[in-house]
Structure formats: C-alpha cells, structure tokens
PDB file of N, CA and C in Angstrom:
ATOM      1  N   MET A   1      13.942  -0.656  17.328  1.00  0.00           N
ATOM      2  CA  MET A   1      15.094  -1.431  15.887  1.00  0.00           C
ATOM      3  C   MET A   1      15.696  -0.061  15.692  1.00  0.00           C
ATOM      4  N   THR A   2      16.864  -0.311  15.840  1.00  0.00           N
ATOM      5  CA  THR A   2      17.960   1.294  15.729  1.00  0.00           C
ATOM      6  C   THR A   2      17.817   1.498  14.440  1.00  0.00           C
ATOM      7  N   GLU A   3      18.495   2.404  13.342  1.00  0.00           N
ATOM      8  CA  GLU A   3      18.688   2.874  11.989  1.00  0.00           C
ATOM      9  C   GLU A   3      19.397   1.590  11.361  1.00  0.00           C
ATOM     10  N   ALA A   4      20.522   1.343  12.305  1.00  0.00           N
ATOM     11  CA  ALA A   4      21.232   0.320  11.968  1.00  0.00           C
ATOM     12  C   ALA A   4      20.992  -1.247  11.798  1.00  0.00           C
ATOM     13  N   GLU A   5      20.411  -1.585  12.074  1.00  0.00           N
ATOM     14  CA  GLU A   5      19.476  -2.653  12.298  1.00  0.00           C
ATOM     15  C   GLU A   5      17.819  -2.743  11.003  1.00  0.00           C
ATOM     16  N   LYS A   6      17.484  -1.606  10.617  1.00  0.00           N
ATOM     17  CA  LYS A   6      17.060  -1.324   9.816  1.00  0.00           C
ATOM     18  C   LYS A   6      17.286  -1.060   8.565  1.00  0.00           C
ATOM     19  N   LEU A   7      18.535  -0.764   8.136  1.00  0.00           N
ATOM     20  CA  LEU A   7      18.982  -0.719   7.127  1.00  0.00           C
ATOM     21  C   LEU A   7      20.365  -1.722   6.680  1.00  0.00           C
ATOM     22  N   ILE A   8      20.246  -3.020   7.657  1.00  0.00           N
ATOM     23  CA  ILE A   8      20.654  -4.093   7.461  1.00  0.00           C
ATOM     24  C   ILE A   8      19.875  -5.173   6.779  1.00  0.00           C
ATOM     25  N   ARG A   9      18.209  -4.698   7.421  1.00  0.00           N
ATOM     26  CA  ARG A   9      17.494  -5.767   7.774  1.00  0.00           C
ATOM     27  C   ARG A   9      16.855  -5.381   5.371  1.00  0.00           C
ATOM     28  N   GLY A  10      17.129  -4.283   5.379  1.00  0.00           N
ATOM     29  CA  GLY A  10      17.060  -3.654   4.014  1.00  0.00           C
ATOM     30  C   GLY A  10      17.595  -3.831   3.162  1.00  0.00           C
ATOM     31  N   THR A  11      19.071  -4.192   3.669  1.00  0.00           N
ATOM     32  CA  THR A  11      19.921  -4.815   2.230  1.00  0.00           C
ATOM     33  C   THR A  11      20.246  -5.912   2.264  1.00  0.00           C
ATOM     34  N   GLU A  12      19.416  -7.229   3.531  1.00  0.00           N
ATOM     35  CA  GLU A  12      19.018  -8.537   3.234  1.00  0.00           C
ATOM     36  C   GLU A  12      18.340  -8.638   1.895  1.00  0.00           C
ATOM     37  N   SER A  13      17.018  -8.634   2.602  1.00  0.00           N
ATOM     38  CA  SER A  13      15.553  -8.195   1.550  1.00  0.00           C
ATOM     39  C   SER A  13      16.010  -7.913   0.310  1.00  0.00           C
ATOM     40  N   LEU A  14      16.955  -7.016   0.017  1.00  0.00           N
ATOM     41  CA  LEU A  14      17.431  -6.708  -1.770  1.00  0.00           C
ATOM     42  C   LEU A  14      18.691  -7.896  -2.041  1.00  0.00           C
ATOM     43  N   ARG A  15      18.884  -8.156  -1.392  1.00  0.00           N
ATOM     44  CA  ARG A  15      19.931  -9.102  -1.927  1.00  0.00           C
ATOM     45  C   ARG A  15      19.307 -10.520  -2.611  1.00  0.00           C
ATOM     46  N   GLU A  16      18.214 -10.517  -1.414  1.00  0.00           N
ATOM     47  CA  GLU A  16      17.460 -12.095  -1.921  1.00  0.00           C
ATOM     48  C   GLU A  16      16.359 -12.152  -2.668  1.00  0.00           C
ATOM     49  N   THR A  17      16.104 -11.082  -3.152  1.00  0.00           N
ATOM     50  CA  THR A  17      15.156 -10.793  -4.163  1.00  0.00           C
ATOM     51  C   THR A  17      16.436 -10.486  -5.615  1.00  0.00           C
ATOM     52  N   ILE A  18      17.244 -10.091  -5.275  1.00  0.00           N
ATOM     53  CA  ILE A  18      18.606 -10.247  -6.257  1.00  0.00           C
ATOM     54  C   ILE A  18      18.538 -11.728  -7.022  1.00  0.00           C
ATOM     55  N   ARG A  19      19.030 -12.728  -5.836  1.00  0.00           N
ATOM     56  CA  ARG A  19      18.929 -13.912  -5.940  1.00  0.00           C
ATOM     57  C   ARG A  19      18.165 -14.342  -6.281  1.00  0.00           C
ATOM     58  N   ARG A  20      16.589 -14.767  -6.195  1.00  0.00           N
ATOM     59  CA  ARG A  20      15.540 -14.351  -6.590  1.00  0.00           C
ATOM     60  C   ARG A  20      15.632 -14.268  -8.428  1.00  0.00           C
ATOM     61  N   GLU A  21      15.427 -12.788  -8.278  1.00  0.00           N
ATOM     62  CA  GLU A  21      15.502 -12.685  -9.716  1.00  0.00           C
ATOM     63  C   GLU A  21      16.621 -13.548 -10.686  1.00  0.00           C
ATOM     64  N   TRP A  22      17.724 -13.426 -10.718  1.00  0.00           N
ATOM     65  CA  TRP A  22      18.500 -14.089 -11.755  1.00  0.00           C
ATOM     66  C   TRP A  22      18.105 -15.809 -11.580  1.00  0.00           C
ATOM     67  N   PHE A  23      17.890 -16.545 -10.176  1.00  0.00           N
ATOM     68  CA  PHE A  23      17.205 -18.028 -10.537  1.00  0.00           C
ATOM     69  C   PHE A  23      16.216 -17.314 -11.739  1.00  0.00           C
ATOM     70  N   ASN A  24      15.640 -16.593 -11.388  1.00  0.00           N
ATOM     71  CA  ASN A  24      13.912 -16.790 -12.868  1.00  0.00           C
ATOM     72  C   ASN A  24      14.828 -16.190 -14.395  1.00  0.00           C
ATOM     73  N   ILE A  25      15.703 -15.607 -14.003  1.00  0.00           N
ATOM     74  CA  ILE A  25      16.080 -15.143 -15.758  1.00  0.00           C
ATOM     75  C   ILE A  25      16.488 -16.222 -16.513  1.00  0.00           C
ATOM     76  N   ARG A  26      16.589 -17.562 -15.655  1.00  0.00           N
ATOM     77  CA  ARG A  26      17.081 -18.895 -15.822  1.00  0.00           C
ATOM     78  C   ARG A  26      15.799 -19.573 -16.563  1.00  0.00           C
ATOM     79  N   LEU A  27      15.104 -18.966 -16.027  1.00  0.00           N
ATOM     80  CA  LEU A  27      14.264 -19.900 -16.898  1.00  0.00           C
ATOM     81  C   LEU A  27      13.774 -19.977 -18.678  1.00  0.00           C
ATOM     82  N   ASP A  28      13.467 -21.146 -18.727  1.00  0.00           N
ATOM     83  CA  ASP A  28      13.129 -21.387 -20.528  1.00  0.00           C
ATOM     84  C   ASP A  28      12.080 -21.417 -20.992  1.00  0.00           C
ATOM     85  N   THR A  29      10.902 -20.491 -20.033  1.00  0.00           N
ATOM     86  CA  THR A  29      10.118 -20.172 -20.246  1.00  0.00           C
ATOM     87  C   THR A  29       9.988 -18.455 -20.243  1.00  0.00           C
ATOM     88  N   LEU A  30      10.404 -18.132 -20.231  1.00  0.00           N
ATOM     89  CA  LEU A  30      10.297 -16.468 -20.154  1.00  0.00           C
ATOM     90  C   LEU A  30      10.743 -15.868 -21.469  1.00  0.00           C
ATOM     91  N   THR A  31      10.134 -15.422 -21.968  1.00  0.00           N
ATOM     92  CA  THR A  31      10.098 -14.152 -23.441  1.00  0.00           C
ATOM     93  C   THR A  31      11.272 -13.579 -23.092  1.00  0.00           C
ATOM     94  N   HIS A  32      11.687 -13.240 -24.376  1.00  0.00           N
ATOM     95  CA  HIS A  32      13.165 -11.936 -24.265  1.00  0.00           C
ATOM     96  C   HIS A  32      12.807 -10.487 -23.517  1.00  0.00           C
ATOM     97  N   ASP A  33      11.197 -10.217 -23.742  1.00  0.00           N
ATOM     98  CA  ASP A  33      10.736  -8.968 -22.808  1.00  0.00           C
ATOM     99  C   ASP A  33      10.817  -8.799 -21.438  1.00  0.00           C
ATOM    100  N   ASP A  34      10.598  -9.888 -21.070  1.00  0.00           N
ATOM    101  CA  ASP A  34      10.664 -11.132 -19.913  1.00  0.00           C
ATOM    102  C   ASP A  34      11.446 -11.154 -19.202  1.00  0.00           C
ATOM    103  N   ARG A  35      12.711 -11.010 -20.056  1.00  0.00           N
ATOM    104  CA  ARG A  35      13.773 -11.529 -19.135  1.00  0.00           C
ATOM    105  C   ARG A  35      14.541  -9.907 -19.335  1.00  0.00           C
ATOM    106  N   VAL A  36      13.997  -9.042 -20.369  1.00  0.00           N
ATOM    107  CA  VAL A  36      14.615  -7.491 -20.751  1.00  0.00           C
ATOM    108  C   VAL A  36      14.199  -6.934 -18.907  1.00  0.00           C
ATOM    109  N   VAL A  37      12.814  -7.522 -18.452  1.00  0.00           N
ATOM    110  CA  VAL A  37      12.471  -6.478 -17.250  1.00  0.00           C
ATOM    111  C   VAL A  37      12.947  -7.194 -16.028  1.00  0.00           C
ATOM    112  N   ILE A  38      12.929  -8.117 -16.064  1.00  0.00           N
ATOM    113  CA  ILE A  38      14.228  -8.696 -14.971  1.00  0.00           C
ATOM    114  C   ILE A  38      15.091  -8.066 -14.594  1.00  0.00           C
ATOM    115  N   ARG A  39      16.028  -7.639 -16.012  1.00  0.00           N
ATOM    116  CA  ARG A  39      16.967  -7.337 -16.308  1.00  0.00           C
ATOM    117  C   ARG A  39      16.950  -5.738 -15.477  1.00  0.00           C
ATOM    118  N   GLU A  40      16.210  -5.355 -15.603  1.00  0.00           N
ATOM    119  CA  GLU A  40      16.175  -3.629 -14.874  1.00  0.00           C
ATOM    120  C   GLU A  40      15.355  -3.781 -13.824  1.00  0.00           C
ATOM    121  N   HIS A  41      14.636  -4.816 -13.044  1.00  0.00           N
ATOM    122  CA  HIS A  41      14.278  -4.920 -12.016  1.00  0.00           C
ATOM    123  C   HIS A  41      15.454  -5.008 -10.519  1.00  0.00           C
ATOM    124  N   ILE A  42      16.517  -6.369 -11.511  1.00  0.00           N
ATOM    125  CA  ILE A  42      17.841  -6.205 -10.781  1.00  0.00           C
ATOM    126  C   ILE A  42      18.646  -5.541 -10.774  1.00  0.00           C
ATOM    127  N   GLU A  43      18.796  -4.206 -11.520  1.00  0.00           N
ATOM    128  CA  GLU A  43      19.228  -2.852 -11.775  1.00  0.00           C
ATOM    129  C   GLU A  43      19.432  -2.309 -10.485  1.00  0.00           C
ATOM    130  N   ARG A  44      17.693  -2.314 -10.725  1.00  0.00           N
ATOM    131  CA  ARG A  44      16.986  -1.372  -9.410  1.00  0.00           C
ATOM    132  C   ARG A  44      17.328  -1.166  -8.723  1.00  0.00           C
ATOM    133  N   CYS A  45      17.472  -2.764  -8.176  1.00  0.00           N
ATOM    134  CA  CYS A  45      17.620  -3.763  -6.538  1.00  0.00           C
ATOM    135  C   CYS A  45      18.783  -3.280  -6.161  1.00  0.00           C
ATOM    136  N   HIS A  46      19.979  -3.958  -7.086  1.00  0.00           N
ATOM    137  CA  HIS A  46      21.311  -3.473  -7.218  1.00  0.00           C
ATOM    138  C   HIS A  46      21.882  -2.103  -6.458  1.00  0.00           C
ATOM    139  N   ALA A  47      20.881  -0.804  -7.279  1.00  0.00           N
ATOM    140  CA  ALA A  47      21.251   0.443  -7.304  1.00  0.00           C
ATOM    141  C   ALA A  47      20.293   1.657  -6.116  1.00  0.00           C
ATOM    142  N   ASP A  48      19.458   0.579  -5.234  1.00  0.00           N
ATOM    143  CA  ASP A  48      18.828   0.158  -4.005  1.00  0.00           C
ATOM    144  C   ASP A  48      19.817   0.085  -2.364  1.00  0.00           C
ATOM    145  N   LEU A  49      20.490  -1.528  -2.905  1.00  0.00           N
ATOM    146  CA  LEU A  49      21.242  -1.780  -2.118  1.00  0.00           C
ATOM    147  C   LEU A  49      22.312  -0.754  -1.997  1.00  0.00           C
ATOM    148  N   LYS A  50      23.384  -0.474  -2.839  1.00  0.00           N
ATOM    149  CA  LYS A  50      24.395   0.458  -3.287  1.00  0.00           C
ATOM    150  C   LYS A  50      23.683   1.620  -2.091  1.00  0.00           C
ATOM    151  N   ILE A  51      22.641   1.979  -2.135  1.00  0.00           N
ATOM    152  CA  ILE A  51      22.808   3.345  -1.421  1.00  0.00           C
ATOM    153  C   ILE A  51      21.781   3.467   0.000  1.00  0.00           C
ATOM    154  N   LEU A  52      22.024   2.115   0.346  1.00  0.00           N
ATOM    155  CA  LEU A  52      21.310   1.504   1.332  1.00  0.00           C
ATOM    156  C   LEU A  52      22.793   1.398   1.578  1.00  0.00           C
ATOM    157  N   LEU A  53      23.774   0.274   1.373  1.00  0.00           N
ATOM    158  CA  LEU A  53      24.794   0.046   2.374  1.00  0.00           C
ATOM    159  C   LEU A  53      25.877   1.264   2.434  1.00  0.00           C
ATOM    160  N   ASP A  54      25.607   2.298   1.630  1.00  0.00           N
ATOM    161  CA  ASP A  54      26.477   3.738   1.709  1.00  0.00           C
ATOM    162  C   ASP A  54      25.668   4.516   3.038  1.00  0.00           C
ATOM    163  N   ARG A  55      24.332   4.702   3.485  1.00  0.00           N
ATOM    164  CA  ARG A  55      24.397   4.527   4.300  1.00  0.00           C
ATOM    165  C   ARG A  55      24.303   3.671   5.519  1.00  0.00           C
ATOM    166  N   LEU A  56      24.409   2.798   5.482  1.00  0.00           N
ATOM    167  CA  LEU A  56      24.972   1.775   6.736  1.00  0.00           C
ATOM    168  C   LEU A  56      26.402   1.935   6.578  1.00  0.00           C
ATOM    169  N   TRP A  57      27.003   2.475   5.517  1.00  0.00           N
ATOM    170  CA  TRP A  57      28.518   2.432   6.180  1.00  0.00           C
ATOM    171  C   TRP A  57      28.533   3.705   7.026  1.00  0.00           C
ATOM    172  N   ASN A  58      28.117   5.287   6.142  1.00  0.00           N
ATOM    173  CA  ASN A  58      28.260   5.765   6.904  1.00  0.00           C
ATOM    174  C   ASN A  58      27.664   6.379   7.560  1.00  0.00           C
ATOM    175  N   LEU A  59      26.578   5.427   8.569  1.00  0.00           N
ATOM    176  CA  LEU A  59      26.075   5.737  10.032  1.00  0.00           C
ATOM    177  C   LEU A  59      26.302   6.140  11.399  1.00  0.00           C
ATOM    178  N   ASP A  60      27.968   5.710  11.617  1.00  0.00           N
ATOM    179  CA  ASP A  60      28.623   6.189  11.941  1.00  0.00           C
ATOM    180  C   ASP A  60      29.427   7.505  12.027  1.00  0.00           C
ATOM    181  N   ASP A  61      29.280   7.389  10.946  1.00  0.00           N
ATOM    182  CA  ASP A  61      30.493   9.147  11.199  1.00  0.00           C
ATOM    183  C   ASP A  61      29.382  10.674  11.336  1.00  0.00           C
ATOM    184  N   GLY A  62      27.761  10.072  11.264  1.00  0.00           N
ATOM    185  CA  GLY A  62      26.929  10.427  12.267  1.00  0.00           C
ATOM    186  C   GLY A  62      26.730  11.182  13.070  1.00  0.00           C
ATOM    187  N   ASN A  63      27.309   9.589  13.699  1.00  0.00           N
ATOM    188  CA  ASN A  63      26.573   9.769  15.224  1.00  0.00           C
ATOM    189  C   ASN A  63      28.015   9.980  15.735  1.00  0.00           C
ATOM    190  N   SER A  64      29.495   9.497  15.348  1.00  0.00           N
ATOM    191  CA  SER A  64      30.668  10.070  15.908  1.00  0.00           C
ATOM    192  C   SER A  64      30.411  11.499  16.911  1.00  0.00           C
ATOM    193  N   ASN A  65      30.821  11.927  17.857  1.00  0.00           N
ATOM    194  CA  ASN A  65      31.205  13.265  19.190  1.00  0.00           C
ATOM    195  C   ASN A  65      32.523  13.391  19.505  1.00  0.00           C
TER     196      ASN A  65
END
C-alpha cells in the first residue's frame, strides 16, 4: 500500500468517526458530560484529519524531482 493510499484510508476512517459521533451527540439519553466528551473527541478527530489531509496534499511536493 502506498503512502497516499494509507493517508486516504486514514482520512476516510476519521471522517466516518466524525459522522458517527455527530449522530451520537444527538441522542436524548446522553448527559451534558457525555456530550462534552463527544465534542472533545470530534475536535481531536478533526485536528487529526487536518494533519492527514495536509500530509496527503504535500505528498507530491516531496516526491517531485
């Protein structure tokens, strides 16, 4: 698997996690504290997603000769 494929797989996984968490945050059974934890997880995933996308976008820069 190439580096680009790994990065794409990682971004897809994080996007799915974020989608799932946004669905979960709307559940009526959650407490305020539960929602805070989910929001923090979404923020961490979003930050990780930005890093992976930046690495993916800059991948060609390191391979150009």
